[in-house]
N, C-alpha and C. Protein backbone atom coordinates (compact mmCIF):
# COMPACT_ATOMS: atom_id res chain seq x y z
N MET A 1 -10.21 -15.55 4.34
CA MET A 1 -10.37 -16.55 5.37
C MET A 1 -9.03 -16.85 6.04
N ARG A 2 -7.98 -16.91 5.22
CA ARG A 2 -6.66 -17.21 5.77
C ARG A 2 -6.21 -16.14 6.76
N ALA A 3 -6.42 -14.87 6.41
CA ALA A 3 -6.01 -13.78 7.29
C ALA A 3 -6.81 -13.79 8.59
N VAL A 4 -8.10 -14.06 8.50
CA VAL A 4 -8.93 -14.12 9.70
C VAL A 4 -8.50 -15.28 10.60
N ALA A 5 -8.20 -16.43 9.99
CA ALA A 5 -7.74 -17.58 10.77
C ALA A 5 -6.41 -17.28 11.45
N ILE A 6 -5.49 -16.66 10.74
CA ILE A 6 -4.20 -16.31 11.33
C ILE A 6 -4.39 -15.32 12.47
N LEU A 7 -5.26 -14.35 12.28
CA LEU A 7 -5.52 -13.34 13.31
C LEU A 7 -6.09 -13.97 14.57
N ILE A 8 -7.08 -14.82 14.41
CA ILE A 8 -7.72 -15.45 15.57
C ILE A 8 -6.78 -16.42 16.27
N ILE A 9 -6.17 -17.32 15.51
CA ILE A 9 -5.27 -18.31 16.11
C ILE A 9 -4.05 -17.64 16.74
N GLY A 10 -3.46 -16.69 16.02
CA GLY A 10 -2.29 -15.97 16.55
C GLY A 10 -2.62 -15.19 17.81
N SER A 11 -3.79 -14.54 17.83
CA SER A 11 -4.19 -13.78 19.01
C SER A 11 -4.40 -14.69 20.21
N LEU A 12 -5.04 -15.82 20.00
CA LEU A 12 -5.27 -16.76 21.10
C LEU A 12 -3.98 -17.45 21.54
N LEU A 13 -3.17 -17.84 20.60
CA LEU A 13 -1.94 -18.56 20.90
C LEU A 13 -0.93 -17.69 21.64
N PHE A 14 -0.78 -16.43 21.23
CA PHE A 14 0.22 -15.55 21.81
C PHE A 14 -0.36 -14.56 22.82
N GLY A 15 -1.65 -14.65 23.08
CA GLY A 15 -2.28 -13.79 24.08
C GLY A 15 -2.22 -12.31 23.72
N VAL A 16 -2.48 -11.98 22.47
CA VAL A 16 -2.43 -10.60 22.02
C VAL A 16 -3.67 -9.86 22.51
N GLY A 17 -3.45 -8.70 23.10
CA GLY A 17 -4.56 -7.87 23.56
C GLY A 17 -4.71 -6.65 22.67
N TYR A 18 -5.91 -6.35 22.31
CA TYR A 18 -6.19 -5.21 21.44
C TYR A 18 -6.87 -4.13 22.27
N GLN A 19 -6.45 -2.89 22.06
CA GLN A 19 -7.07 -1.76 22.71
C GLN A 19 -7.31 -0.70 21.64
N ILE A 20 -8.48 -0.72 21.06
CA ILE A 20 -8.78 0.19 19.96
C ILE A 20 -8.95 1.60 20.50
N VAL A 21 -8.10 2.50 20.03
CA VAL A 21 -8.13 3.88 20.48
C VAL A 21 -9.31 4.62 19.89
N SER A 22 -9.53 4.43 18.58
CA SER A 22 -10.59 5.14 17.89
C SER A 22 -11.09 4.28 16.74
N VAL A 23 -12.32 3.81 16.85
CA VAL A 23 -12.90 3.00 15.76
C VAL A 23 -13.08 3.85 14.49
N PRO A 24 -13.62 5.08 14.60
CA PRO A 24 -13.73 5.89 13.37
C PRO A 24 -12.36 6.17 12.75
N GLY A 25 -11.36 6.44 13.57
CA GLY A 25 -10.02 6.68 13.06
C GLY A 25 -9.46 5.46 12.36
N LEU A 26 -9.70 4.30 12.95
CA LEU A 26 -9.24 3.04 12.35
C LEU A 26 -9.92 2.81 11.00
N LEU A 27 -11.21 3.08 10.93
CA LEU A 27 -11.94 2.92 9.66
C LEU A 27 -11.46 3.92 8.61
N VAL A 28 -11.20 5.15 9.02
CA VAL A 28 -10.71 6.17 8.08
C VAL A 28 -9.36 5.76 7.52
N VAL A 29 -8.45 5.33 8.40
CA VAL A 29 -7.12 4.90 7.95
C VAL A 29 -7.24 3.70 7.02
N PHE A 30 -8.08 2.75 7.37
CA PHE A 30 -8.26 1.55 6.55
C PHE A 30 -8.77 1.89 5.16
N VAL A 31 -9.80 2.73 5.08
CA VAL A 31 -10.39 3.09 3.79
C VAL A 31 -9.40 3.91 2.97
N LEU A 32 -8.72 4.89 3.60
CA LEU A 32 -7.75 5.69 2.87
C LEU A 32 -6.61 4.82 2.32
N THR A 33 -6.17 3.87 3.13
CA THR A 33 -5.10 2.98 2.69
C THR A 33 -5.54 2.14 1.50
N LEU A 34 -6.75 1.59 1.58
CA LEU A 34 -7.26 0.78 0.48
C LEU A 34 -7.42 1.59 -0.80
N VAL A 35 -7.95 2.80 -0.70
CA VAL A 35 -8.16 3.62 -1.89
C VAL A 35 -6.81 4.04 -2.49
N ALA A 36 -5.85 4.41 -1.63
CA ALA A 36 -4.53 4.78 -2.13
C ALA A 36 -3.84 3.58 -2.79
N LEU A 37 -3.96 2.40 -2.18
CA LEU A 37 -3.39 1.19 -2.78
C LEU A 37 -4.10 0.84 -4.09
N TYR A 38 -5.39 1.09 -4.16
CA TYR A 38 -6.13 0.87 -5.40
C TYR A 38 -5.58 1.79 -6.50
N GLY A 39 -5.35 3.04 -6.16
CA GLY A 39 -4.79 3.98 -7.13
C GLY A 39 -3.41 3.56 -7.59
N LEU A 40 -2.56 3.15 -6.66
CA LEU A 40 -1.22 2.69 -7.01
C LEU A 40 -1.29 1.43 -7.89
N GLY A 41 -2.15 0.51 -7.50
CA GLY A 41 -2.31 -0.72 -8.28
C GLY A 41 -2.84 -0.45 -9.67
N SER A 42 -3.78 0.46 -9.79
CA SER A 42 -4.33 0.80 -11.10
C SER A 42 -3.28 1.47 -11.97
N MET A 43 -2.47 2.32 -11.35
CA MET A 43 -1.42 2.98 -12.10
C MET A 43 -0.38 1.97 -12.59
N LEU A 44 0.00 1.05 -11.73
CA LEU A 44 0.98 0.04 -12.11
C LEU A 44 0.41 -1.01 -13.06
N ALA A 45 -0.92 -1.19 -13.03
CA ALA A 45 -1.55 -2.14 -13.94
C ALA A 45 -1.38 -1.73 -15.40
N SER A 46 -1.22 -0.44 -15.61
CA SER A 46 -1.01 0.01 -16.99
C SER A 46 0.30 -0.55 -17.55
N LEU A 47 1.26 -0.88 -16.67
CA LEU A 47 2.50 -1.50 -17.15
C LEU A 47 2.23 -2.86 -17.77
N TYR A 48 1.26 -3.59 -17.22
CA TYR A 48 0.90 -4.89 -17.80
C TYR A 48 0.34 -4.72 -19.20
N LEU A 49 -0.40 -3.65 -19.41
CA LEU A 49 -0.94 -3.41 -20.74
C LEU A 49 0.17 -3.04 -21.72
N LEU A 50 1.16 -2.30 -21.26
CA LEU A 50 2.23 -1.88 -22.15
C LEU A 50 3.26 -2.98 -22.41
N TYR A 51 3.61 -3.71 -21.37
CA TYR A 51 4.72 -4.67 -21.50
C TYR A 51 4.29 -6.13 -21.39
N ASN A 52 3.02 -6.39 -21.40
CA ASN A 52 2.48 -7.75 -21.34
C ASN A 52 2.98 -8.49 -20.10
N ARG A 53 3.33 -9.74 -20.25
CA ARG A 53 3.74 -10.59 -19.12
C ARG A 53 5.18 -10.36 -18.66
N GLU A 54 5.92 -9.50 -19.34
CA GLU A 54 7.30 -9.24 -18.94
C GLU A 54 7.37 -8.57 -17.57
N VAL A 55 6.32 -7.87 -17.19
CA VAL A 55 6.29 -7.19 -15.90
C VAL A 55 6.14 -8.21 -14.76
N TRP A 56 5.62 -9.37 -15.08
CA TRP A 56 5.38 -10.40 -14.06
C TRP A 56 6.67 -10.74 -13.31
N SER A 57 7.76 -10.89 -14.01
CA SER A 57 9.03 -11.24 -13.35
C SER A 57 9.51 -10.12 -12.44
N VAL A 58 9.32 -8.88 -12.85
CA VAL A 58 9.68 -7.75 -12.00
C VAL A 58 8.81 -7.76 -10.74
N GLN A 59 7.54 -8.04 -10.90
CA GLN A 59 6.62 -8.10 -9.76
C GLN A 59 7.08 -9.16 -8.77
N GLU A 60 7.46 -10.31 -9.29
CA GLU A 60 7.92 -11.40 -8.42
C GLU A 60 9.18 -11.01 -7.66
N ILE A 61 10.07 -10.27 -8.29
CA ILE A 61 11.32 -9.86 -7.67
C ILE A 61 11.10 -8.85 -6.56
N ILE A 62 10.19 -7.90 -6.76
CA ILE A 62 10.03 -6.81 -5.78
C ILE A 62 8.99 -7.09 -4.70
N GLN A 63 8.25 -8.17 -4.79
CA GLN A 63 7.18 -8.43 -3.84
C GLN A 63 7.68 -8.56 -2.40
N ASP A 64 8.68 -9.37 -2.16
CA ASP A 64 9.19 -9.55 -0.79
C ASP A 64 9.91 -8.32 -0.26
N PRO A 65 10.78 -7.66 -1.05
CA PRO A 65 11.38 -6.43 -0.53
C PRO A 65 10.35 -5.35 -0.17
N ILE A 66 9.29 -5.26 -0.94
CA ILE A 66 8.25 -4.28 -0.63
C ILE A 66 7.54 -4.65 0.68
N SER A 67 7.24 -5.93 0.86
CA SER A 67 6.64 -6.36 2.12
C SER A 67 7.58 -6.05 3.29
N PHE A 68 8.86 -6.20 3.08
CA PHE A 68 9.85 -5.94 4.12
C PHE A 68 9.91 -4.47 4.49
N ILE A 69 10.04 -3.58 3.50
CA ILE A 69 10.23 -2.16 3.82
C ILE A 69 8.95 -1.43 4.21
N THR A 70 7.79 -1.99 3.90
CA THR A 70 6.54 -1.30 4.24
C THR A 70 6.10 -1.54 5.68
N GLY A 71 6.81 -2.38 6.40
CA GLY A 71 6.41 -2.64 7.78
C GLY A 71 5.40 -3.74 7.91
N PHE A 72 5.32 -4.58 6.92
CA PHE A 72 4.37 -5.69 6.94
C PHE A 72 4.76 -6.70 8.02
N TYR A 73 6.06 -6.93 8.19
CA TYR A 73 6.54 -7.93 9.15
C TYR A 73 6.87 -7.32 10.52
N PHE A 74 7.23 -6.06 10.55
CA PHE A 74 7.58 -5.38 11.79
C PHE A 74 7.40 -3.88 11.56
N PRO A 75 7.34 -3.09 12.65
CA PRO A 75 7.13 -1.65 12.47
C PRO A 75 8.22 -1.00 11.62
N VAL A 76 7.82 -0.09 10.77
CA VAL A 76 8.74 0.55 9.83
C VAL A 76 9.76 1.43 10.55
N ARG A 77 9.46 1.86 11.74
CA ARG A 77 10.40 2.70 12.50
C ARG A 77 11.72 1.98 12.73
N ALA A 78 11.68 0.66 12.79
CA ALA A 78 12.90 -0.12 13.02
C ALA A 78 13.89 0.01 11.87
N LEU A 79 13.43 0.42 10.69
CA LEU A 79 14.31 0.56 9.53
C LEU A 79 15.02 1.90 9.49
N GLY A 80 14.63 2.83 10.34
CA GLY A 80 15.25 4.15 10.34
C GLY A 80 14.46 5.17 9.55
N GLY A 81 14.80 6.42 9.76
CA GLY A 81 14.06 7.52 9.15
C GLY A 81 14.18 7.59 7.64
N PHE A 82 15.38 7.35 7.10
CA PHE A 82 15.57 7.45 5.65
C PHE A 82 14.79 6.38 4.90
N VAL A 83 14.96 5.12 5.32
CA VAL A 83 14.25 4.01 4.66
C VAL A 83 12.75 4.14 4.89
N GLY A 84 12.35 4.53 6.11
CA GLY A 84 10.94 4.71 6.41
C GLY A 84 10.31 5.80 5.57
N SER A 85 11.04 6.89 5.37
CA SER A 85 10.52 7.98 4.53
C SER A 85 10.37 7.54 3.08
N ALA A 86 11.35 6.81 2.58
CA ALA A 86 11.25 6.31 1.21
C ALA A 86 10.12 5.30 1.09
N ALA A 87 9.98 4.44 2.10
CA ALA A 87 8.92 3.43 2.07
C ALA A 87 7.54 4.06 2.18
N SER A 88 7.46 5.28 2.71
CA SER A 88 6.17 5.96 2.86
C SER A 88 5.55 6.35 1.53
N LEU A 89 6.29 6.20 0.44
CA LEU A 89 5.71 6.42 -0.88
C LEU A 89 4.75 5.30 -1.25
N ILE A 90 4.82 4.20 -0.52
CA ILE A 90 3.88 3.09 -0.70
C ILE A 90 2.83 3.23 0.39
N PRO A 91 1.56 3.37 0.04
CA PRO A 91 0.51 3.64 1.02
C PRO A 91 0.42 2.61 2.16
N LEU A 92 0.82 1.39 1.89
CA LEU A 92 0.75 0.35 2.91
C LEU A 92 1.59 0.69 4.14
N THR A 93 2.71 1.37 3.93
CA THR A 93 3.60 1.74 5.03
C THR A 93 2.88 2.62 6.04
N LEU A 94 2.31 3.70 5.56
CA LEU A 94 1.62 4.64 6.46
C LEU A 94 0.36 4.01 7.05
N GLY A 95 -0.35 3.24 6.25
CA GLY A 95 -1.57 2.60 6.73
C GLY A 95 -1.30 1.61 7.85
N LEU A 96 -0.30 0.76 7.68
CA LEU A 96 0.03 -0.22 8.72
C LEU A 96 0.51 0.46 9.99
N ASP A 97 1.32 1.50 9.84
CA ASP A 97 1.83 2.20 11.02
C ASP A 97 0.69 2.87 11.78
N ALA A 98 -0.21 3.52 11.07
CA ALA A 98 -1.34 4.18 11.73
C ALA A 98 -2.27 3.15 12.38
N MET A 99 -2.52 2.04 11.71
CA MET A 99 -3.39 1.01 12.29
C MET A 99 -2.75 0.38 13.53
N ARG A 100 -1.43 0.20 13.51
CA ARG A 100 -0.75 -0.32 14.71
C ARG A 100 -0.92 0.64 15.88
N GLN A 101 -0.80 1.94 15.59
CA GLN A 101 -0.96 2.93 16.66
C GLN A 101 -2.37 2.93 17.22
N LEU A 102 -3.35 2.71 16.36
CA LEU A 102 -4.74 2.74 16.81
C LEU A 102 -5.19 1.42 17.43
N LEU A 103 -4.49 0.33 17.16
CA LEU A 103 -4.84 -0.97 17.74
C LEU A 103 -3.99 -1.34 18.96
N PHE A 104 -2.73 -0.93 18.95
CA PHE A 104 -1.80 -1.26 20.03
C PHE A 104 -1.12 0.01 20.53
N PRO A 105 -1.84 0.89 21.22
CA PRO A 105 -1.27 2.20 21.57
C PRO A 105 -0.04 2.11 22.49
N ARG A 106 0.00 1.15 23.39
CA ARG A 106 1.15 1.06 24.30
C ARG A 106 2.34 0.37 23.64
N ALA A 107 2.09 -0.55 22.76
CA ALA A 107 3.18 -1.33 22.16
C ALA A 107 3.74 -0.67 20.90
N ALA A 108 2.98 0.19 20.27
CA ALA A 108 3.40 0.77 19.00
C ALA A 108 4.46 1.84 19.20
N THR A 109 5.51 1.77 18.40
CA THR A 109 6.48 2.85 18.33
C THR A 109 6.25 3.53 16.99
N PRO A 110 5.54 4.65 17.00
CA PRO A 110 5.09 5.24 15.74
C PRO A 110 6.22 5.81 14.90
N PHE A 111 6.02 5.73 13.61
CA PHE A 111 6.92 6.38 12.65
C PHE A 111 6.56 7.86 12.56
N LEU A 112 5.28 8.12 12.38
CA LEU A 112 4.71 9.47 12.39
C LEU A 112 3.44 9.43 13.22
N SER A 113 2.89 10.58 13.55
CA SER A 113 1.62 10.58 14.27
C SER A 113 0.49 10.18 13.30
N VAL A 114 -0.61 9.71 13.85
CA VAL A 114 -1.73 9.26 13.03
C VAL A 114 -2.26 10.40 12.16
N GLY A 115 -2.30 11.61 12.69
CA GLY A 115 -2.77 12.75 11.91
C GLY A 115 -1.93 13.01 10.68
N TRP A 116 -0.61 12.96 10.84
CA TRP A 116 0.29 13.14 9.70
C TRP A 116 0.11 12.01 8.69
N GLU A 117 -0.04 10.80 9.20
CA GLU A 117 -0.19 9.66 8.30
C GLU A 117 -1.49 9.72 7.51
N ILE A 118 -2.56 10.19 8.15
CA ILE A 118 -3.83 10.36 7.43
C ILE A 118 -3.67 11.43 6.34
N GLY A 119 -3.03 12.54 6.69
CA GLY A 119 -2.80 13.60 5.70
C GLY A 119 -1.97 13.12 4.52
N LEU A 120 -0.92 12.38 4.80
CA LEU A 120 -0.08 11.84 3.73
C LEU A 120 -0.83 10.80 2.90
N GLN A 121 -1.69 10.02 3.55
CA GLN A 121 -2.49 9.03 2.81
C GLN A 121 -3.43 9.74 1.84
N ILE A 122 -4.01 10.84 2.27
CA ILE A 122 -4.90 11.60 1.38
C ILE A 122 -4.11 12.12 0.18
N LEU A 123 -2.91 12.63 0.45
CA LEU A 123 -2.06 13.12 -0.63
C LEU A 123 -1.67 11.98 -1.59
N LEU A 124 -1.26 10.84 -1.05
CA LEU A 124 -0.91 9.69 -1.89
C LEU A 124 -2.11 9.20 -2.70
N MET A 125 -3.28 9.20 -2.05
CA MET A 125 -4.50 8.75 -2.72
C MET A 125 -4.78 9.65 -3.94
N ILE A 126 -4.71 10.94 -3.76
CA ILE A 126 -4.95 11.87 -4.87
C ILE A 126 -3.91 11.69 -5.96
N LEU A 127 -2.64 11.59 -5.55
CA LEU A 127 -1.55 11.42 -6.50
C LEU A 127 -1.69 10.15 -7.33
N PHE A 128 -1.95 9.03 -6.66
CA PHE A 128 -2.01 7.75 -7.37
C PHE A 128 -3.28 7.62 -8.21
N LEU A 129 -4.40 8.15 -7.74
CA LEU A 129 -5.61 8.11 -8.57
C LEU A 129 -5.45 8.98 -9.81
N ALA A 130 -4.82 10.14 -9.64
CA ALA A 130 -4.55 11.00 -10.80
C ALA A 130 -3.56 10.32 -11.74
N GLY A 131 -2.54 9.68 -11.18
CA GLY A 131 -1.58 8.95 -12.00
C GLY A 131 -2.22 7.81 -12.77
N ALA A 132 -3.16 7.11 -12.13
CA ALA A 132 -3.86 6.01 -12.79
C ALA A 132 -4.72 6.54 -13.94
N MET A 133 -5.39 7.66 -13.70
CA MET A 133 -6.21 8.25 -14.76
C MET A 133 -5.32 8.66 -15.94
N TRP A 134 -4.18 9.27 -15.64
CA TRP A 134 -3.27 9.69 -16.70
C TRP A 134 -2.74 8.47 -17.47
N ALA A 135 -2.34 7.43 -16.74
CA ALA A 135 -1.76 6.24 -17.39
C ALA A 135 -2.78 5.57 -18.31
N PHE A 136 -4.00 5.42 -17.85
CA PHE A 136 -5.01 4.76 -18.69
C PHE A 136 -5.43 5.65 -19.86
N THR A 137 -5.43 6.96 -19.66
CA THR A 137 -5.72 7.87 -20.77
C THR A 137 -4.62 7.77 -21.83
N TYR A 138 -3.38 7.70 -21.38
CA TYR A 138 -2.24 7.54 -22.29
C TYR A 138 -2.35 6.25 -23.08
N ILE A 139 -2.66 5.16 -22.39
CA ILE A 139 -2.77 3.86 -23.07
C ILE A 139 -3.94 3.85 -24.05
N GLU A 140 -5.04 4.45 -23.66
CA GLU A 140 -6.20 4.52 -24.55
C GLU A 140 -5.86 5.33 -25.81
N ARG A 141 -5.18 6.44 -25.62
CA ARG A 141 -4.78 7.27 -26.77
C ARG A 141 -3.83 6.50 -27.69
N ARG A 142 -2.87 5.80 -27.12
CA ARG A 142 -1.94 4.98 -27.92
C ARG A 142 -2.69 3.90 -28.69
N ALA A 143 -3.64 3.28 -28.02
CA ALA A 143 -4.41 2.20 -28.66
C ALA A 143 -5.22 2.74 -29.84
N LYS A 144 -5.77 3.93 -29.70
CA LYS A 144 -6.54 4.52 -30.79
C LYS A 144 -5.65 4.90 -31.97
N ILE A 145 -4.46 5.38 -31.68
CA ILE A 145 -3.55 5.82 -32.74
C ILE A 145 -2.86 4.64 -33.41
N GLU A 146 -2.31 3.73 -32.60
CA GLU A 146 -1.49 2.64 -33.14
C GLU A 146 -2.26 1.35 -33.36
N GLY A 147 -3.44 1.23 -32.77
CA GLY A 147 -4.23 0.02 -32.95
C GLY A 147 -3.76 -1.15 -32.11
N LYS A 148 -2.94 -0.90 -31.10
CA LYS A 148 -2.48 -1.96 -30.19
C LYS A 148 -2.20 -1.35 -28.82
N LEU A 149 -2.25 -2.20 -27.80
CA LEU A 149 -2.01 -1.73 -26.45
C LEU A 149 -0.56 -1.83 -26.03
N SER A 150 0.10 -2.88 -26.42
CA SER A 150 1.45 -3.12 -25.93
C SER A 150 2.50 -2.44 -26.81
N LEU A 151 3.70 -2.33 -26.26
CA LEU A 151 4.80 -1.74 -27.00
C LEU A 151 5.46 -2.75 -27.94
N LYS A 152 5.21 -4.05 -27.69
CA LYS A 152 5.80 -5.11 -28.51
C LYS A 152 4.82 -5.56 -29.58
N TRP A 153 5.37 -6.11 -30.65
CA TRP A 153 4.53 -6.76 -31.65
C TRP A 153 4.26 -8.18 -31.20
N GLN A 154 3.06 -8.60 -31.26
CA GLN A 154 2.69 -9.96 -30.82
C GLN A 154 2.80 -10.93 -31.96
């Protein structure tokens, strides 16, 4: 609800105009981004199982820098090629850039073309889903052998 309210109020207040280039393309990018982020999140969730609440502080520390480098606040192209390339390991970077290109074609300064970003999203999606499967298989195997999930004694 908050995001929808911000979108509507911000669009009306600042007179933002949307020109959707391709609705199917926008949906494909959105779904690929969500699935890739799901895979990344599932893979990183295994850290919570291994290290309990100690990961929480690390999450709090990296949350804002990740929002900054992924282009959440402004297009990632403004950070330069090196930082943008490194940030592209996070699916949100490519997804936001592609969605900007498909929603604001005249205003967007693309980091990569939408086709490249879709291809990279597919690659990231496969990588992160496979990584999540491996991580949870590893944790399950450890739990069966050692009788506990975490690395610490509780």
